[in-house]
Amino acid sequence: VVAVPVHYRQAEFDHLWVTDPSTVEVFSQSFRQSA
């Protein structure tokens, strides 16, 4: 339901979250209504 623009960055060596191109893509696609 977020409608405003979203800038999202994850660190290559983030030890608190699983970070790879697929997880970043899934996360970003969750903002279905974002401008």
PDB file of all heavy atoms in Angstrom:
ATOM      1  N   VAL A   1       0.821  -1.221   0.000  1.00  0.00           N
ATOM      2  CA  VAL A   1       0.000   0.000   0.000  1.00  0.00           C
ATOM      3  C   VAL A   1       0.849   1.265   0.000  1.00  0.00           C
ATOM      4  O   VAL A   1       0.315   2.372   0.007  1.00  0.00           O
ATOM      5  CB  VAL A   1      -0.983   0.022   1.189  1.00  0.00           C
ATOM      6  CG1 VAL A   1      -1.974  -1.120   1.082  1.00  0.00           C
ATOM      7  CG2 VAL A   1      -0.253  -0.020   2.526  1.00  0.00           C
ATOM      8  N   VAL A   2       2.175   1.128  -0.007  1.00  0.00           N
ATOM      9  CA  VAL A   2       3.044   2.303  -0.080  1.00  0.00           C
ATOM     10  C   VAL A   2       2.928   2.909  -1.474  1.00  0.00           C
ATOM     11  O   VAL A   2       3.092   2.218  -2.480  1.00  0.00           O
ATOM     12  CB  VAL A   2       4.517   1.927   0.211  1.00  0.00           C
ATOM     13  CG1 VAL A   2       5.446   3.096  -0.092  1.00  0.00           C
ATOM     14  CG2 VAL A   2       4.667   1.475   1.656  1.00  0.00           C
ATOM     15  N   ALA A   3       2.655   4.205  -1.515  1.00  0.00           N
ATOM     16  CA  ALA A   3       2.450   4.868  -2.801  1.00  0.00           C
ATOM     17  C   ALA A   3       3.603   5.797  -3.191  1.00  0.00           C
ATOM     18  O   ALA A   3       3.802   6.082  -4.378  1.00  0.00           O
ATOM     19  CB  ALA A   3       1.141   5.666  -2.782  1.00  0.00           C
ATOM     20  N   VAL A   4       4.377   6.281  -2.223  1.00  0.00           N
ATOM     21  CA  VAL A   4       5.457   7.220  -2.523  1.00  0.00           C
ATOM     22  C   VAL A   4       6.648   6.498  -3.140  1.00  0.00           C
ATOM     23  O   VAL A   4       6.775   5.270  -3.008  1.00  0.00           O
ATOM     24  CB  VAL A   4       5.912   7.970  -1.246  1.00  0.00           C
ATOM     25  CG1 VAL A   4       4.799   8.831  -0.695  1.00  0.00           C
ATOM     26  CG2 VAL A   4       6.432   6.983  -0.199  1.00  0.00           C
ATOM     27  N   PRO A   5       7.547   7.215  -3.804  1.00  0.00           N
ATOM     28  CA  PRO A   5       8.758   6.597  -4.359  1.00  0.00           C
ATOM     29  C   PRO A   5       9.628   5.984  -3.262  1.00  0.00           C
ATOM     30  O   PRO A   5       9.703   6.506  -2.148  1.00  0.00           O
ATOM     31  CB  PRO A   5       9.465   7.761  -5.056  1.00  0.00           C
ATOM     32  CG  PRO A   5       8.377   8.754  -5.343  1.00  0.00           C
ATOM     33  CD  PRO A   5       7.419   8.641  -4.202  1.00  0.00           C
ATOM     34  N   VAL A   6      10.310   4.892  -3.610  1.00  0.00           N
ATOM     35  CA  VAL A   6      11.138   4.156  -2.658  1.00  0.00           C
ATOM     36  C   VAL A   6      12.542   3.954  -3.225  1.00  0.00           C
ATOM     37  O   VAL A   6      12.702   3.463  -4.349  1.00  0.00           O
ATOM     38  CB  VAL A   6      10.527   2.773  -2.341  1.00  0.00           C
ATOM     39  CG1 VAL A   6      11.448   1.976  -1.405  1.00  0.00           C
ATOM     40  CG2 VAL A   6       9.135   2.916  -1.738  1.00  0.00           C
ATOM     41  N   HIS A   7      13.534   4.344  -2.458  1.00  0.00           N
ATOM     42  CA  HIS A   7      14.941   4.058  -2.775  1.00  0.00           C
ATOM     43  C   HIS A   7      15.390   2.974  -1.801  1.00  0.00           C
ATOM     44  O   HIS A   7      15.239   3.120  -0.585  1.00  0.00           O
ATOM     45  CB  HIS A   7      15.785   5.324  -2.596  1.00  0.00           C
ATOM     46  CG  HIS A   7      17.216   5.176  -3.005  1.00  0.00           C
ATOM     47  ND1 HIS A   7      18.194   4.687  -2.160  1.00  0.00           N
ATOM     48  CD2 HIS A   7      17.850   5.474  -4.173  1.00  0.00           C
ATOM     49  CE1 HIS A   7      19.354   4.687  -2.786  1.00  0.00           C
ATOM     50  NE2 HIS A   7      19.184   5.164  -4.008  1.00  0.00           N
ATOM     51  N   TYR A   8      15.942   1.886  -2.312  1.00  0.00           N
ATOM     52  CA  TYR A   8      16.283   0.737  -1.465  1.00  0.00           C
ATOM     53  C   TYR A   8      17.667   0.224  -1.812  1.00  0.00           C
ATOM     54  O   TYR A   8      17.965  -0.058  -2.962  1.00  0.00           O
ATOM     55  CB  TYR A   8      15.249  -0.378  -1.674  1.00  0.00           C
ATOM     56  CG  TYR A   8      15.549  -1.665  -0.932  1.00  0.00           C
ATOM     57  CD1 TYR A   8      15.707  -1.684   0.449  1.00  0.00           C
ATOM     58  CD2 TYR A   8      15.654  -2.878  -1.618  1.00  0.00           C
ATOM     59  CE1 TYR A   8      15.975  -2.863   1.129  1.00  0.00           C
ATOM     60  CE2 TYR A   8      15.900  -4.070  -0.948  1.00  0.00           C
ATOM     61  CZ  TYR A   8      16.075  -4.055   0.420  1.00  0.00           C
ATOM     62  OH  TYR A   8      16.328  -5.227   1.096  1.00  0.00           O
ATOM     63  N   ARG A   9      18.528   0.148  -0.791  1.00  0.00           N
ATOM     64  CA  ARG A   9      19.857  -0.403  -0.982  1.00  0.00           C
ATOM     65  C   ARG A   9      20.169  -1.411   0.117  1.00  0.00           C
ATOM     66  O   ARG A   9      19.887  -1.191   1.286  1.00  0.00           O
ATOM     67  CB  ARG A   9      20.921   0.700  -0.954  1.00  0.00           C
ATOM     68  CG  ARG A   9      20.892   1.617  -2.156  1.00  0.00           C
ATOM     69  CD  ARG A   9      21.277   0.894  -3.436  1.00  0.00           C
ATOM     70  NE  ARG A   9      21.329   1.794  -4.581  1.00  0.00           N
ATOM     71  CZ  ARG A   9      20.283   2.075  -5.360  1.00  0.00           C
ATOM     72  NH1 ARG A   9      19.099   1.529  -5.091  1.00  0.00           N
ATOM     73  NH2 ARG A   9      20.415   2.886  -6.390  1.00  0.00           N
ATOM     74  N   GLN A  10      20.767  -2.517  -0.275  1.00  0.00           N
ATOM     75  CA  GLN A  10      21.296  -3.503   0.657  1.00  0.00           C
ATOM     76  C   GLN A  10      22.795  -3.635   0.440  1.00  0.00           C
ATOM     77  O   GLN A  10      23.285  -3.528  -0.691  1.00  0.00           O
ATOM     78  CB  GLN A  10      20.629  -4.861   0.468  1.00  0.00           C
ATOM     79  CG  GLN A  10      19.251  -4.992   1.127  1.00  0.00           C
ATOM     80  CD  GLN A  10      19.344  -4.923   2.636  1.00  0.00           C
ATOM     81  OE1 GLN A  10      19.432  -3.832   3.195  1.00  0.00           O
ATOM     82  NE2 GLN A  10      19.320  -6.059   3.299  1.00  0.00           N
ATOM     83  N   ALA A  11      23.516  -3.870   1.537  1.00  0.00           N
ATOM     84  CA  ALA A  11      24.961  -4.010   1.455  1.00  0.00           C
ATOM     85  C   ALA A  11      25.352  -5.399   0.962  1.00  0.00           C
ATOM     86  O   ALA A  11      24.703  -6.394   1.293  1.00  0.00           O
ATOM     87  CB  ALA A  11      25.581  -3.753   2.827  1.00  0.00           C
ATOM     88  N   GLU A  12      26.412  -5.449   0.190  1.00  0.00           N
ATOM     89  CA  GLU A  12      26.902  -6.730  -0.330  1.00  0.00           C
ATOM     90  C   GLU A  12      27.240  -7.696   0.804  1.00  0.00           C
ATOM     91  O   GLU A  12      26.977  -8.896   0.708  1.00  0.00           O
ATOM     92  CB  GLU A  12      28.149  -6.486  -1.182  1.00  0.00           C
ATOM     93  CG  GLU A  12      28.765  -7.758  -1.733  1.00  0.00           C
ATOM     94  CD  GLU A  12      30.050  -7.503  -2.515  1.00  0.00           C
ATOM     95  OE1 GLU A  12      30.527  -6.343  -2.509  1.00  0.00           O
ATOM     96  OE2 GLU A  12      30.572  -8.470  -3.116  1.00  0.00           O
ATOM     97  N   PHE A  13      27.783  -7.153   1.901  1.00  0.00           N
ATOM     98  CA  PHE A  13      28.221  -7.999   3.007  1.00  0.00           C
ATOM     99  C   PHE A  13      27.355  -7.787   4.252  1.00  0.00           C
ATOM    100  O   PHE A  13      27.871  -7.662   5.356  1.00  0.00           O
ATOM    101  CB  PHE A  13      29.692  -7.714   3.337  1.00  0.00           C
ATOM    102  CG  PHE A  13      30.622  -7.912   2.172  1.00  0.00           C
ATOM    103  CD1 PHE A  13      31.208  -6.826   1.555  1.00  0.00           C
ATOM    104  CD2 PHE A  13      30.898  -9.184   1.697  1.00  0.00           C
ATOM    105  CE1 PHE A  13      32.066  -7.000   0.474  1.00  0.00           C
ATOM    106  CE2 PHE A  13      31.749  -9.376   0.617  1.00  0.00           C
ATOM    107  CZ  PHE A  13      32.338  -8.280   0.006  1.00  0.00           C
ATOM    108  N   ASP A  14      26.059  -7.752   4.063  1.00  0.00           N
ATOM    109  CA  ASP A  14      25.140  -7.587   5.194  1.00  0.00           C
ATOM    110  C   ASP A  14      25.018  -8.922   5.927  1.00  0.00           C
ATOM    111  O   ASP A  14      24.592  -9.922   5.350  1.00  0.00           O
ATOM    112  CB  ASP A  14      23.769  -7.126   4.705  1.00  0.00           C
ATOM    113  CG  ASP A  14      22.905  -6.573   5.825  1.00  0.00           C
ATOM    114  OD1 ASP A  14      22.800  -7.244   6.878  1.00  0.00           O
ATOM    115  OD2 ASP A  14      22.339  -5.487   5.670  1.00  0.00           O
ATOM    116  N   HIS A  15      25.389  -8.917   7.217  1.00  0.00           N
ATOM    117  CA  HIS A  15      25.348 -10.157   7.995  1.00  0.00           C
ATOM    118  C   HIS A  15      24.026 -10.341   8.736  1.00  0.00           C
ATOM    119  O   HIS A  15      23.821 -11.388   9.355  1.00  0.00           O
ATOM    120  CB  HIS A  15      26.485 -10.171   9.014  1.00  0.00           C
ATOM    121  CG  HIS A  15      27.846 -10.077   8.395  1.00  0.00           C
ATOM    122  ND1 HIS A  15      28.318 -11.006   7.491  1.00  0.00           N
ATOM    123  CD2 HIS A  15      28.832  -9.153   8.538  1.00  0.00           C
ATOM    124  CE1 HIS A  15      29.534 -10.664   7.110  1.00  0.00           C
ATOM    125  NE2 HIS A  15      29.868  -9.548   7.725  1.00  0.00           N
ATOM    126  N   LEU A  16      23.133  -9.359   8.666  1.00  0.00           N
ATOM    127  CA  LEU A  16      21.859  -9.446   9.388  1.00  0.00           C
ATOM    128  C   LEU A  16      20.701  -9.848   8.479  1.00  0.00           C
ATOM    129  O   LEU A  16      19.636 -10.238   8.976  1.00  0.00           O
ATOM    130  CB  LEU A  16      21.542  -8.108  10.061  1.00  0.00           C
ATOM    131  CG  LEU A  16      22.542  -7.672  11.147  1.00  0.00           C
ATOM    132  CD1 LEU A  16      22.146  -6.317  11.715  1.00  0.00           C
ATOM    133  CD2 LEU A  16      22.614  -8.706  12.255  1.00  0.00           C
ATOM    134  N   TRP A  17      20.903  -9.742   7.169  1.00  0.00           N
ATOM    135  CA  TRP A  17      19.864 -10.121   6.210  1.00  0.00           C
ATOM    136  C   TRP A  17      20.492 -10.888   5.068  1.00  0.00           C
ATOM    137  O   TRP A  17      21.621 -10.597   4.663  1.00  0.00           O
ATOM    138  CB  TRP A  17      19.149  -8.877   5.654  1.00  0.00           C
ATOM    139  CG  TRP A  17      18.488  -8.056   6.712  1.00  0.00           C
ATOM    140  CD1 TRP A  17      18.972  -6.920   7.299  1.00  0.00           C
ATOM    141  CD2 TRP A  17      17.242  -8.338   7.361  1.00  0.00           C
ATOM    142  NE1 TRP A  17      18.096  -6.466   8.261  1.00  0.00           N
ATOM    143  CE2 TRP A  17      17.025  -7.314   8.319  1.00  0.00           C
ATOM    144  CE3 TRP A  17      16.286  -9.337   7.216  1.00  0.00           C
ATOM    145  CZ2 TRP A  17      15.893  -7.275   9.131  1.00  0.00           C
ATOM    146  CZ3 TRP A  17      15.153  -9.303   8.011  1.00  0.00           C
ATOM    147  CH2 TRP A  17      14.970  -8.277   8.956  1.00  0.00           C
ATOM    148  N   VAL A  18      19.765 -11.856   4.550  1.00  0.00           N
ATOM    149  CA  VAL A  18      20.219 -12.557   3.352  1.00  0.00           C
ATOM    150  C   VAL A  18      20.108 -11.590   2.185  1.00  0.00           C
ATOM    151  O   VAL A  18      19.022 -11.082   1.882  1.00  0.00           O
ATOM    152  CB  VAL A  18      19.374 -13.821   3.100  1.00  0.00           C
ATOM    153  CG1 VAL A  18      19.783 -14.465   1.772  1.00  0.00           C
ATOM    154  CG2 VAL A  18      19.526 -14.807   4.254  1.00  0.00           C
ATOM    155  N   THR A  19      21.234 -11.305   1.557  1.00  0.00           N
ATOM    156  CA  THR A  19      21.269 -10.310   0.485  1.00  0.00           C
ATOM    157  C   THR A  19      21.859 -10.900  -0.780  1.00  0.00           C
ATOM    158  O   THR A  19      23.006 -11.362  -0.793  1.00  0.00           O
ATOM    159  CB  THR A  19      22.114  -9.086   0.908  1.00  0.00           C
ATOM    160  OG1 THR A  19      21.536  -8.491   2.068  1.00  0.00           O
ATOM    161  CG2 THR A  19      22.156  -8.057  -0.199  1.00  0.00           C
ATOM    162  N   ASP A  20      21.067 -10.898  -1.828  1.00  0.00           N
ATOM    163  CA  ASP A  20      21.530 -11.277  -3.157  1.00  0.00           C
ATOM    164  C   ASP A  20      20.557 -10.649  -4.155  1.00  0.00           C
ATOM    165  O   ASP A  20      19.528 -10.084  -3.755  1.00  0.00           O
ATOM    166  CB  ASP A  20      21.601 -12.801  -3.314  1.00  0.00           C
ATOM    167  CG  ASP A  20      20.290 -13.514  -3.020  1.00  0.00           C
ATOM    168  OD1 ASP A  20      19.227 -13.003  -3.439  1.00  0.00           O
ATOM    169  OD2 ASP A  20      20.317 -14.578  -2.372  1.00  0.00           O
ATOM    170  N   PRO A  21      20.856 -10.679  -5.448  1.00  0.00           N
ATOM    171  CA  PRO A  21      19.976 -10.021  -6.415  1.00  0.00           C
ATOM    172  C   PRO A  21      18.521 -10.479  -6.336  1.00  0.00           C
ATOM    173  O   PRO A  21      17.602  -9.673  -6.513  1.00  0.00           O
ATOM    174  CB  PRO A  21      20.601 -10.384  -7.766  1.00  0.00           C
ATOM    175  CG  PRO A  21      22.059 -10.543  -7.460  1.00  0.00           C
ATOM    176  CD  PRO A  21      22.094 -11.180  -6.092  1.00  0.00           C
ATOM    177  N   SER A  22      18.289 -11.758  -6.040  1.00  0.00           N
ATOM    178  CA  SER A  22      16.912 -12.255  -6.015  1.00  0.00           C
ATOM    179  C   SER A  22      16.136 -11.710  -4.818  1.00  0.00           C
ATOM    180  O   SER A  22      14.964 -11.327  -4.948  1.00  0.00           O
ATOM    181  CB  SER A  22      16.887 -13.780  -6.012  1.00  0.00           C
ATOM    182  OG  SER A  22      17.487 -14.297  -4.833  1.00  0.00           O
ATOM    183  N   THR A  23      16.772 -11.641  -3.638  1.00  0.00           N
ATOM    184  CA  THR A  23      16.064 -11.117  -2.468  1.00  0.00           C
ATOM    185  C   THR A  23      15.778  -9.628  -2.622  1.00  0.00           C
ATOM    186  O   THR A  23      14.722  -9.144  -2.213  1.00  0.00           O
ATOM    187  CB  THR A  23      16.861 -11.359  -1.173  1.00  0.00           C
ATOM    188  OG1 THR A  23      18.139 -10.712  -1.259  1.00  0.00           O
ATOM    189  CG2 THR A  23      17.062 -12.839  -0.922  1.00  0.00           C
ATOM    190  N   VAL A  24      16.716  -8.890  -3.223  1.00  0.00           N
ATOM    191  CA  VAL A  24      16.489  -7.462  -3.462  1.00  0.00           C
ATOM    192  C   VAL A  24      15.358  -7.261  -4.460  1.00  0.00           C
ATOM    193  O   VAL A  24      14.512  -6.373  -4.303  1.00  0.00           O
ATOM    194  CB  VAL A  24      17.788  -6.782  -3.945  1.00  0.00           C
ATOM    195  CG1 VAL A  24      17.523  -5.357  -4.425  1.00  0.00           C
ATOM    196  CG2 VAL A  24      18.827  -6.779  -2.831  1.00  0.00           C
ATOM    197  N   GLU A  25      15.314  -8.104  -5.474  1.00  0.00           N
ATOM    198  CA  GLU A  25      14.255  -8.004  -6.480  1.00  0.00           C
ATOM    199  C   GLU A  25      12.888  -8.296  -5.867  1.00  0.00           C
ATOM    200  O   GLU A  25      11.917  -7.559  -6.105  1.00  0.00           O
ATOM    201  CB  GLU A  25      14.535  -8.976  -7.630  1.00  0.00           C
ATOM    202  CG  GLU A  25      13.488  -8.973  -8.728  1.00  0.00           C
ATOM    203  CD  GLU A  25      13.467  -7.701  -9.548  1.00  0.00           C
ATOM    204  OE1 GLU A  25      14.427  -6.903  -9.443  1.00  0.00           O
ATOM    205  OE2 GLU A  25      12.503  -7.497 -10.300  1.00  0.00           O
ATOM    206  N   VAL A  26      12.793  -9.353  -5.077  1.00  0.00           N
ATOM    207  CA  VAL A  26      11.519  -9.692  -4.440  1.00  0.00           C
ATOM    208  C   VAL A  26      11.071  -8.571  -3.504  1.00  0.00           C
ATOM    209  O   VAL A  26       9.897  -8.193  -3.475  1.00  0.00           O
ATOM    210  CB  VAL A  26      11.638 -11.029  -3.676  1.00  0.00           C
ATOM    211  CG1 VAL A  26      10.407 -11.258  -2.809  1.00  0.00           C
ATOM    212  CG2 VAL A  26      11.822 -12.184  -4.652  1.00  0.00           C
ATOM    213  N   PHE A  27      12.013  -8.047  -2.724  1.00  0.00           N
ATOM    214  CA  PHE A  27      11.698  -6.953  -1.804  1.00  0.00           C
ATOM    215  C   PHE A  27      11.157  -5.758  -2.577  1.00  0.00           C
ATOM    216  O   PHE A  27      10.119  -5.178  -2.224  1.00  0.00           O
ATOM    217  CB  PHE A  27      12.953  -6.563  -1.026  1.00  0.00           C
ATOM    218  CG  PHE A  27      12.720  -5.668   0.155  1.00  0.00           C
ATOM    219  CD1 PHE A  27      12.547  -6.196   1.424  1.00  0.00           C
ATOM    220  CD2 PHE A  27      12.678  -4.298   0.007  1.00  0.00           C
ATOM    221  CE1 PHE A  27      12.344  -5.369   2.528  1.00  0.00           C
ATOM    222  CE2 PHE A  27      12.473  -3.455   1.089  1.00  0.00           C
ATOM    223  CZ  PHE A  27      12.307  -3.995   2.358  1.00  0.00           C
ATOM    224  N   SER A  28      11.829  -5.371  -3.634  1.00  0.00           N
ATOM    225  CA  SER A  28      11.424  -4.174  -4.383  1.00  0.00           C
ATOM    226  C   SER A  28      10.082  -4.368  -5.072  1.00  0.00           C
ATOM    227  O   SER A  28       9.276  -3.428  -5.163  1.00  0.00           O
ATOM    228  CB  SER A  28      12.496  -3.806  -5.413  1.00  0.00           C
ATOM    229  OG  SER A  28      12.633  -4.802  -6.410  1.00  0.00           O
ATOM    230  N   GLN A  29       9.803  -5.580  -5.545  1.00  0.00           N
ATOM    231  CA  GLN A  29       8.541  -5.836  -6.232  1.00  0.00           C
ATOM    232  C   GLN A  29       7.348  -5.846  -5.280  1.00  0.00           C
ATOM    233  O   GLN A  29       6.193  -5.813  -5.725  1.00  0.00           O
ATOM    234  CB  GLN A  29       8.616  -7.165  -6.979  1.00  0.00           C
ATOM    235  CG  GLN A  29       9.512  -7.122  -8.209  1.00  0.00           C
ATOM    236  CD  GLN A  29       9.541  -8.434  -8.954  1.00  0.00           C
ATOM    237  OE1 GLN A  29       9.045  -9.465  -8.483  1.00  0.00           O
ATOM    238  NE2 GLN A  29      10.134  -8.427 -10.136  1.00  0.00           N
ATOM    239  N   SER A  30       7.613  -5.870  -3.978  1.00  0.00           N
ATOM    240  CA  SER A  30       6.529  -5.836  -3.003  1.00  0.00           C
ATOM    241  C   SER A  30       5.823  -4.486  -2.964  1.00  0.00           C
ATOM    242  O   SER A  30       4.677  -4.395  -2.517  1.00  0.00           O
ATOM    243  CB  SER A  30       7.066  -6.163  -1.603  1.00  0.00           C
ATOM    244  OG  SER A  30       7.655  -7.456  -1.578  1.00  0.00           O
ATOM    245  N   PHE A  31       6.507  -3.437  -3.466  1.00  0.00           N
ATOM    246  CA  PHE A  31       5.921  -2.094  -3.471  1.00  0.00           C
ATOM    247  C   PHE A  31       5.100  -1.914  -4.752  1.00  0.00           C
ATOM    248  O   PHE A  31       5.485  -1.218  -5.689  1.00  0.00           O
ATOM    249  CB  PHE A  31       7.024  -1.043  -3.370  1.00  0.00           C
ATOM    250  CG  PHE A  31       7.793  -1.107  -2.073  1.00  0.00           C
ATOM    251  CD1 PHE A  31       8.998  -1.800  -2.001  1.00  0.00           C
ATOM    252  CD2 PHE A  31       7.313  -0.483  -0.934  1.00  0.00           C
ATOM    253  CE1 PHE A  31       9.708  -1.871  -0.806  1.00  0.00           C
ATOM    254  CE2 PHE A  31       8.008  -0.553   0.266  1.00  0.00           C
ATOM    255  CZ  PHE A  31       9.212  -1.246   0.329  1.00  0.00           C
ATOM    256  N   ARG A  32       3.944  -2.532  -4.754  1.00  0.00           N
ATOM    257  CA  ARG A  32       3.137  -2.622  -5.974  1.00  0.00           C
ATOM    258  C   ARG A  32       2.542  -1.291  -6.406  1.00  0.00           C
ATOM    259  O   ARG A  32       2.285  -1.055  -7.588  1.00  0.00           O
ATOM    260  CB  ARG A  32       2.001  -3.630  -5.768  1.00  0.00           C
ATOM    261  CG  ARG A  32       2.461  -5.008  -5.346  1.00  0.00           C
ATOM    262  CD  ARG A  32       1.276  -5.892  -4.995  1.00  0.00           C
ATOM    263  NE  ARG A  32       1.691  -7.118  -4.331  1.00  0.00           N
ATOM    264  CZ  ARG A  32       0.851  -7.985  -3.789  1.00  0.00           C
ATOM    265  NH1 ARG A  32      -0.462  -7.758  -3.852  1.00  0.00           N
ATOM    266  NH2 ARG A  32       1.302  -9.081  -3.196  1.00  0.00           N
ATOM    267  N   GLN A  33       2.282  -0.407  -5.460  1.00  0.00           N
ATOM    268  CA  GLN A  33       1.630   0.861  -5.791  1.00  0.00           C
ATOM    269  C   GLN A  33       2.581   2.051  -5.745  1.00  0.00           C
ATOM    270  O   GLN A  33       2.168   3.181  -5.988  1.00  0.00           O
ATOM    271  CB  GLN A  33       0.461   1.111  -4.835  1.00  0.00           C
ATOM    272  CG  GLN A  33      -0.638   0.074  -4.903  1.00  0.00           C
ATOM    273  CD  GLN A  33      -1.832   0.458  -4.050  1.00  0.00           C
ATOM    274  OE1 GLN A  33      -2.316   1.581  -4.091  1.00  0.00           O
ATOM    275  NE2 GLN A  33      -2.315  -0.493  -3.259  1.00  0.00           N
ATOM    276  N   SER A  34       3.841   1.796  -5.447  1.00  0.00           N
ATOM    277  CA  SER A  34       4.798   2.891  -5.356  1.00  0.00           C
ATOM    278  C   SER A  34       4.967   3.575  -6.705  1.00  0.00           C
ATOM    279  O   SER A  34       5.010   2.926  -7.755  1.00  0.00           O
ATOM    280  CB  SER A  34       6.153   2.376  -4.879  1.00  0.00           C
ATOM    281  OG  SER A  34       7.124   3.388  -4.903  1.00  0.00           O
ATOM    282  N   ALA A  35       5.091   4.895  -6.663  1.00  0.00           N
ATOM    283  CA  ALA A  35       5.271   5.661  -7.889  1.00  0.00           C
ATOM    284  C   ALA A  35       6.571   5.304  -8.598  1.00  0.00           C
ATOM    285  O   ALA A  35       6.670   5.385  -9.824  1.00  0.00           O
ATOM    286  CB  ALA A  35       5.250   7.160  -7.564  1.00  0.00           C
TER     287      ALA A  35
END
